[in-house]
Amino acid sequence: MNVLDKHLAPHANALQLRQKRMEVIGANIANAATPNYKARDLDFSSAYEQAMSGQGSLATTSSGHIETASGSAPETMFRTPISASIDGNTVELHVEQLQFAENATRYEASLQFLNDRIRGLRSALRGE
């Protein structure tokens, strides 16, 4: 990992994980009326730690192998409902909407932090 990657990796990893979590929560919202659908979520903290530590990345055993930026996709878990529905669906729309809004806000913050880092690097390169 070069210096630039180390400088940008925390926010880039956070953006990728927030995007994945939005997809998971969006799928929950889309399946709110599907019988027996089990709501899922992503444990952002553990997935972020895994991404930053490099766990799950593939090892290169030959000089001809290409290094990967990240390994496997983060693991999703089933969400425990506050009150289960009769049809077996565990999606609680108000909880999903709240989680989606919170995740979207954090996504925007990570994007802003990444933009600020890039702006700082540009200023340094220009000598400003």
N, C-alpha and C. Protein backbone atom coordinates (compact mmCIF):
# COMPACT_ATOMS: atom_id res chain seq x y z
N MET A 1 0.85 -1.17 0.00
CA MET A 1 0.00 0.00 0.00
C MET A 1 0.90 1.23 0.00
N ASN A 2 0.71 2.10 -0.96
CA ASN A 2 1.56 3.28 -1.02
C ASN A 2 1.03 4.38 -0.10
N VAL A 3 1.74 5.47 -0.01
CA VAL A 3 1.41 6.56 0.90
C VAL A 3 0.05 7.17 0.58
N LEU A 4 -0.25 7.33 -0.69
CA LEU A 4 -1.53 7.91 -1.09
C LEU A 4 -2.69 7.00 -0.69
N ASP A 5 -2.51 5.70 -0.88
CA ASP A 5 -3.54 4.75 -0.46
C ASP A 5 -3.77 4.83 1.05
N LYS A 6 -2.70 4.90 1.81
CA LYS A 6 -2.83 4.98 3.26
C LYS A 6 -3.55 6.26 3.67
N HIS A 7 -3.33 7.32 2.94
CA HIS A 7 -3.94 8.62 3.25
C HIS A 7 -5.44 8.61 2.95
N LEU A 8 -5.84 7.93 1.88
CA LEU A 8 -7.24 7.95 1.45
C LEU A 8 -8.04 6.72 1.87
N ALA A 9 -7.37 5.64 2.25
CA ALA A 9 -8.04 4.37 2.52
C ALA A 9 -9.14 4.42 3.59
N PRO A 10 -8.94 5.12 4.71
CA PRO A 10 -10.00 5.10 5.73
C PRO A 10 -11.35 5.57 5.20
N HIS A 11 -11.35 6.66 4.47
CA HIS A 11 -12.62 7.21 3.98
C HIS A 11 -13.13 6.44 2.75
N ALA A 12 -12.22 5.95 1.93
CA ALA A 12 -12.64 5.15 0.78
C ALA A 12 -13.28 3.84 1.23
N ASN A 13 -12.70 3.20 2.23
CA ASN A 13 -13.28 1.97 2.78
C ASN A 13 -14.63 2.25 3.41
N ALA A 14 -14.73 3.35 4.14
CA ALA A 14 -16.01 3.71 4.77
C ALA A 14 -17.08 3.93 3.71
N LEU A 15 -16.73 4.60 2.61
CA LEU A 15 -17.71 4.84 1.54
C LEU A 15 -18.20 3.52 0.94
N GLN A 16 -17.29 2.59 0.69
CA GLN A 16 -17.69 1.31 0.11
C GLN A 16 -18.60 0.54 1.06
N LEU A 17 -18.28 0.54 2.33
CA LEU A 17 -19.10 -0.19 3.31
C LEU A 17 -20.45 0.49 3.51
N ARG A 18 -20.48 1.81 3.52
CA ARG A 18 -21.76 2.53 3.64
C ARG A 18 -22.65 2.25 2.43
N GLN A 19 -22.04 2.19 1.25
CA GLN A 19 -22.80 1.89 0.03
C GLN A 19 -23.39 0.49 0.10
N LYS A 20 -22.60 -0.47 0.57
CA LYS A 20 -23.08 -1.84 0.72
C LYS A 20 -24.22 -1.90 1.73
N ARG A 21 -24.08 -1.17 2.82
CA ARG A 21 -25.13 -1.17 3.85
C ARG A 21 -26.41 -0.55 3.29
N MET A 22 -26.30 0.50 2.46
CA MET A 22 -27.49 1.08 1.83
C MET A 22 -28.20 0.06 0.96
N GLU A 23 -27.44 -0.74 0.24
CA GLU A 23 -28.04 -1.79 -0.60
C GLU A 23 -28.81 -2.80 0.25
N VAL A 24 -28.21 -3.21 1.38
CA VAL A 24 -28.85 -4.19 2.26
C VAL A 24 -30.14 -3.61 2.86
N ILE A 25 -30.07 -2.38 3.37
CA ILE A 25 -31.25 -1.75 3.96
C ILE A 25 -32.30 -1.49 2.90
N GLY A 26 -31.88 -1.09 1.71
CA GLY A 26 -32.82 -0.88 0.60
C GLY A 26 -33.56 -2.17 0.23
N ALA A 27 -32.84 -3.29 0.26
CA ALA A 27 -33.48 -4.58 -0.01
C ALA A 27 -34.50 -4.90 1.07
N ASN A 28 -34.19 -4.55 2.32
CA ASN A 28 -35.14 -4.76 3.40
C ASN A 28 -36.41 -3.95 3.16
N ILE A 29 -36.26 -2.69 2.80
CA ILE A 29 -37.41 -1.82 2.55
C ILE A 29 -38.23 -2.35 1.38
N ALA A 30 -37.54 -2.79 0.33
CA ALA A 30 -38.25 -3.30 -0.86
C ALA A 30 -39.03 -4.57 -0.54
N ASN A 31 -38.60 -5.33 0.45
CA ASN A 31 -39.26 -6.58 0.80
C ASN A 31 -40.10 -6.48 2.07
N ALA A 32 -40.54 -5.28 2.42
CA ALA A 32 -41.31 -5.07 3.64
C ALA A 32 -42.62 -5.85 3.64
N ALA A 33 -43.16 -6.15 2.48
CA ALA A 33 -44.44 -6.86 2.41
C ALA A 33 -44.28 -8.32 1.97
N THR A 34 -43.06 -8.80 1.86
CA THR A 34 -42.80 -10.17 1.42
C THR A 34 -42.91 -11.13 2.61
N PRO A 35 -43.82 -12.10 2.54
CA PRO A 35 -43.95 -13.05 3.66
C PRO A 35 -42.65 -13.82 3.90
N ASN A 36 -42.33 -14.02 5.15
CA ASN A 36 -41.16 -14.78 5.61
C ASN A 36 -39.81 -14.15 5.24
N TYR A 37 -39.80 -12.90 4.78
CA TYR A 37 -38.53 -12.23 4.50
C TYR A 37 -37.88 -11.84 5.82
N LYS A 38 -36.61 -12.12 5.94
CA LYS A 38 -35.85 -11.81 7.15
C LYS A 38 -34.97 -10.60 6.89
N ALA A 39 -35.17 -9.56 7.68
CA ALA A 39 -34.40 -8.32 7.54
C ALA A 39 -32.93 -8.59 7.85
N ARG A 40 -32.06 -8.00 7.06
CA ARG A 40 -30.61 -8.15 7.24
C ARG A 40 -29.99 -6.79 7.53
N ASP A 41 -28.79 -6.83 8.05
CA ASP A 41 -28.02 -5.61 8.26
C ASP A 41 -26.55 -5.96 8.21
N LEU A 42 -25.75 -4.95 8.18
CA LEU A 42 -24.31 -5.07 8.09
C LEU A 42 -23.71 -4.45 9.35
N ASP A 43 -22.85 -5.17 10.05
CA ASP A 43 -22.17 -4.61 11.21
C ASP A 43 -21.02 -3.76 10.69
N PHE A 44 -21.27 -2.46 10.60
CA PHE A 44 -20.31 -1.55 9.99
C PHE A 44 -18.98 -1.55 10.74
N SER A 45 -19.02 -1.52 12.07
CA SER A 45 -17.78 -1.43 12.85
C SER A 45 -16.84 -2.60 12.59
N SER A 46 -17.38 -3.82 12.64
CA SER A 46 -16.50 -4.98 12.42
C SER A 46 -16.06 -5.08 10.95
N ALA A 47 -16.95 -4.72 10.03
CA ALA A 47 -16.58 -4.75 8.61
C ALA A 47 -15.49 -3.71 8.32
N TYR A 48 -15.58 -2.54 8.96
CA TYR A 48 -14.58 -1.49 8.77
C TYR A 48 -13.23 -1.93 9.34
N GLU A 49 -13.26 -2.50 10.53
CA GLU A 49 -12.01 -2.99 11.13
C GLU A 49 -11.36 -4.05 10.24
N GLN A 50 -12.18 -4.93 9.70
CA GLN A 50 -11.67 -5.98 8.82
C GLN A 50 -11.07 -5.37 7.56
N ALA A 51 -11.74 -4.38 6.98
CA ALA A 51 -11.23 -3.73 5.77
C ALA A 51 -9.92 -3.00 6.04
N MET A 52 -9.83 -2.33 7.18
CA MET A 52 -8.62 -1.57 7.49
C MET A 52 -7.44 -2.45 7.88
N SER A 53 -7.72 -3.62 8.44
CA SER A 53 -6.63 -4.51 8.83
C SER A 53 -6.13 -5.35 7.67
N GLY A 54 -6.89 -5.35 6.58
CA GLY A 54 -6.49 -6.14 5.42
C GLY A 54 -6.88 -7.59 5.51
N GLN A 55 -7.68 -7.96 6.51
CA GLN A 55 -8.14 -9.34 6.63
C GLN A 55 -9.05 -9.65 5.46
N GLY A 56 -8.97 -10.86 5.01
CA GLY A 56 -9.83 -11.29 3.93
C GLY A 56 -9.26 -11.01 2.55
N SER A 57 -8.15 -10.28 2.47
CA SER A 57 -7.57 -10.03 1.16
C SER A 57 -6.84 -11.29 0.69
N LEU A 58 -6.78 -11.45 -0.60
CA LEU A 58 -6.18 -12.63 -1.18
C LEU A 58 -4.66 -12.51 -1.19
N ALA A 59 -3.99 -13.58 -0.88
CA ALA A 59 -2.53 -13.59 -0.88
C ALA A 59 -2.02 -13.83 -2.29
N THR A 60 -0.97 -13.12 -2.66
CA THR A 60 -0.34 -13.34 -3.95
C THR A 60 0.82 -14.30 -3.75
N THR A 61 0.78 -15.40 -4.47
CA THR A 61 1.81 -16.43 -4.31
C THR A 61 2.81 -16.44 -5.46
N SER A 62 2.58 -15.59 -6.44
CA SER A 62 3.46 -15.51 -7.59
C SER A 62 3.60 -14.05 -8.00
N SER A 63 4.72 -13.71 -8.59
CA SER A 63 4.93 -12.33 -9.01
C SER A 63 3.97 -11.93 -10.13
N GLY A 64 3.37 -12.90 -10.81
CA GLY A 64 2.41 -12.62 -11.88
C GLY A 64 1.00 -12.35 -11.38
N HIS A 65 0.76 -12.58 -10.09
CA HIS A 65 -0.58 -12.35 -9.53
C HIS A 65 -0.83 -10.86 -9.35
N ILE A 66 -2.08 -10.48 -9.48
CA ILE A 66 -2.47 -9.09 -9.29
C ILE A 66 -3.00 -8.94 -7.86
N GLU A 67 -2.51 -7.91 -7.16
CA GLU A 67 -2.99 -7.65 -5.79
C GLU A 67 -4.40 -7.13 -5.84
N THR A 68 -5.19 -7.52 -4.85
CA THR A 68 -6.55 -7.02 -4.76
C THR A 68 -6.61 -5.95 -3.70
N ALA A 69 -7.50 -4.97 -3.91
CA ALA A 69 -7.65 -3.89 -2.94
C ALA A 69 -8.35 -4.38 -1.68
N SER A 70 -9.33 -5.22 -1.86
CA SER A 70 -10.04 -5.75 -0.69
C SER A 70 -10.44 -7.17 -0.99
N GLY A 71 -10.69 -7.91 0.06
CA GLY A 71 -11.01 -9.32 -0.09
C GLY A 71 -12.48 -9.55 -0.28
N SER A 72 -13.05 -10.29 0.63
CA SER A 72 -14.44 -10.69 0.50
C SER A 72 -15.38 -9.56 0.88
N ALA A 73 -16.63 -9.73 0.46
CA ALA A 73 -17.66 -8.76 0.80
C ALA A 73 -17.98 -8.88 2.28
N PRO A 74 -18.41 -7.78 2.90
CA PRO A 74 -18.74 -7.84 4.32
C PRO A 74 -19.92 -8.78 4.57
N GLU A 75 -19.90 -9.42 5.72
CA GLU A 75 -20.92 -10.39 6.06
C GLU A 75 -22.17 -9.68 6.58
N THR A 76 -23.33 -10.09 6.07
CA THR A 76 -24.59 -9.55 6.57
C THR A 76 -25.16 -10.47 7.63
N MET A 77 -25.90 -9.87 8.55
CA MET A 77 -26.51 -10.62 9.63
C MET A 77 -28.02 -10.38 9.59
N PHE A 78 -28.77 -11.25 10.24
CA PHE A 78 -30.20 -11.04 10.35
C PHE A 78 -30.46 -10.05 11.47
N ARG A 79 -31.40 -9.15 11.24
CA ARG A 79 -31.76 -8.16 12.25
C ARG A 79 -32.84 -8.75 13.16
N THR A 80 -32.70 -8.53 14.45
CA THR A 80 -33.69 -9.01 15.42
C THR A 80 -34.84 -7.99 15.47
N PRO A 81 -36.07 -8.44 15.20
CA PRO A 81 -37.19 -7.49 15.19
C PRO A 81 -37.63 -7.10 16.59
N ILE A 82 -38.20 -5.92 16.71
CA ILE A 82 -38.77 -5.47 17.97
C ILE A 82 -40.09 -6.20 18.21
N SER A 83 -40.90 -6.26 17.16
CA SER A 83 -42.16 -7.02 17.23
C SER A 83 -42.33 -7.76 15.90
N ALA A 84 -42.36 -9.08 15.98
CA ALA A 84 -42.45 -9.90 14.77
C ALA A 84 -43.86 -9.82 14.18
N SER A 85 -43.94 -9.94 12.86
CA SER A 85 -45.24 -9.92 12.21
C SER A 85 -45.79 -11.34 12.09
N ILE A 86 -47.07 -11.44 11.81
CA ILE A 86 -47.75 -12.73 11.73
C ILE A 86 -47.24 -13.56 10.55
N ASP A 87 -46.91 -12.90 9.44
CA ASP A 87 -46.49 -13.62 8.24
C ASP A 87 -45.01 -14.02 8.24
N GLY A 88 -44.29 -13.76 9.35
CA GLY A 88 -42.89 -14.16 9.45
C GLY A 88 -41.91 -13.14 8.92
N ASN A 89 -42.39 -12.02 8.41
CA ASN A 89 -41.52 -10.97 7.91
C ASN A 89 -40.97 -10.18 9.10
N THR A 90 -39.65 -9.99 9.14
CA THR A 90 -39.03 -9.28 10.26
C THR A 90 -38.67 -7.83 9.92
N VAL A 91 -39.09 -7.34 8.75
CA VAL A 91 -38.80 -5.96 8.37
C VAL A 91 -39.76 -5.03 9.11
N GLU A 92 -39.18 -4.08 9.82
CA GLU A 92 -39.98 -3.03 10.46
C GLU A 92 -39.65 -1.74 9.73
N LEU A 93 -40.60 -1.28 8.94
CA LEU A 93 -40.36 -0.19 8.01
C LEU A 93 -39.81 1.06 8.70
N HIS A 94 -40.34 1.41 9.86
CA HIS A 94 -39.86 2.62 10.55
C HIS A 94 -38.40 2.47 10.98
N VAL A 95 -38.00 1.28 11.38
CA VAL A 95 -36.61 1.03 11.77
C VAL A 95 -35.70 1.10 10.54
N GLU A 96 -36.14 0.50 9.45
CA GLU A 96 -35.34 0.50 8.22
C GLU A 96 -35.16 1.91 7.68
N GLN A 97 -36.23 2.70 7.71
CA GLN A 97 -36.13 4.08 7.22
C GLN A 97 -35.18 4.90 8.07
N LEU A 98 -35.23 4.69 9.38
CA LEU A 98 -34.32 5.39 10.28
C LEU A 98 -32.88 4.99 10.01
N GLN A 99 -32.62 3.68 9.86
CA GLN A 99 -31.27 3.20 9.59
C GLN A 99 -30.77 3.70 8.25
N PHE A 100 -31.65 3.74 7.25
CA PHE A 100 -31.26 4.22 5.92
C PHE A 100 -30.87 5.70 5.98
N ALA A 101 -31.69 6.50 6.68
CA ALA A 101 -31.40 7.94 6.79
C ALA A 101 -30.09 8.19 7.53
N GLU A 102 -29.87 7.46 8.62
CA GLU A 102 -28.63 7.61 9.37
C GLU A 102 -27.42 7.21 8.52
N ASN A 103 -27.54 6.10 7.81
CA ASN A 103 -26.44 5.62 6.97
C ASN A 103 -26.16 6.61 5.83
N ALA A 104 -27.23 7.19 5.26
CA ALA A 104 -27.05 8.17 4.17
C ALA A 104 -26.31 9.40 4.67
N THR A 105 -26.64 9.85 5.89
CA THR A 105 -25.96 11.00 6.47
C THR A 105 -24.48 10.70 6.71
N ARG A 106 -24.20 9.51 7.21
CA ARG A 106 -22.81 9.13 7.44
C ARG A 106 -22.05 8.94 6.13
N TYR A 107 -22.74 8.47 5.09
CA TYR A 107 -22.14 8.34 3.76
C TYR A 107 -21.72 9.72 3.26
N GLU A 108 -22.61 10.69 3.39
CA GLU A 108 -22.30 12.05 2.94
C GLU A 108 -21.12 12.63 3.72
N ALA A 109 -21.06 12.35 5.02
CA ALA A 109 -19.94 12.83 5.83
C ALA A 109 -18.63 12.21 5.37
N SER A 110 -18.63 10.90 5.12
CA SER A 110 -17.42 10.23 4.64
C SER A 110 -16.98 10.78 3.29
N LEU A 111 -17.96 11.06 2.43
CA LEU A 111 -17.66 11.63 1.12
C LEU A 111 -17.04 13.02 1.27
N GLN A 112 -17.56 13.81 2.18
CA GLN A 112 -17.00 15.14 2.43
C GLN A 112 -15.58 15.06 2.98
N PHE A 113 -15.35 14.13 3.91
CA PHE A 113 -13.99 13.96 4.45
C PHE A 113 -13.02 13.55 3.35
N LEU A 114 -13.45 12.65 2.47
CA LEU A 114 -12.59 12.22 1.37
C LEU A 114 -12.30 13.38 0.42
N ASN A 115 -13.33 14.16 0.11
CA ASN A 115 -13.13 15.35 -0.74
C ASN A 115 -12.16 16.33 -0.10
N ASP A 116 -12.26 16.52 1.21
CA ASP A 116 -11.34 17.43 1.90
C ASP A 116 -9.91 16.92 1.85
N ARG A 117 -9.74 15.61 1.98
CA ARG A 117 -8.39 15.03 1.89
C ARG A 117 -7.81 15.27 0.49
N ILE A 118 -8.61 15.03 -0.53
CA ILE A 118 -8.15 15.21 -1.91
C ILE A 118 -7.83 16.69 -2.17
N ARG A 119 -8.67 17.57 -1.67
CA ARG A 119 -8.44 19.01 -1.83
C ARG A 119 -7.12 19.40 -1.15
N GLY A 120 -6.87 18.85 0.01
CA GLY A 120 -5.61 19.13 0.72
C GLY A 120 -4.40 18.64 -0.05
N LEU A 121 -4.51 17.45 -0.65
CA LEU A 121 -3.41 16.93 -1.46
C LEU A 121 -3.16 17.80 -2.69
N ARG A 122 -4.23 18.25 -3.32
CA ARG A 122 -4.08 19.13 -4.48
C ARG A 122 -3.38 20.43 -4.10
N SER A 123 -3.78 21.00 -2.97
CA SER A 123 -3.14 22.24 -2.51
C SER A 123 -1.67 22.02 -2.23
N ALA A 124 -1.34 20.89 -1.63
CA ALA A 124 0.07 20.58 -1.34
C ALA A 124 0.88 20.42 -2.62
N LEU A 125 0.28 19.78 -3.61
CA LEU A 125 1.00 19.59 -4.88
C LEU A 125 1.20 20.90 -5.63
N ARG A 126 0.25 21.82 -5.50
CA ARG A 126 0.37 23.11 -6.16
C ARG A 126 1.28 24.06 -5.39
N GLY A 127 1.58 23.72 -4.14
CA GLY A 127 2.43 24.57 -3.31
C GLY A 127 1.68 25.75 -2.70
N GLU A 128 0.39 25.59 -2.51
CA GLU A 128 -0.42 26.69 -1.96
C GLU A 128 -0.38 26.70 -0.44
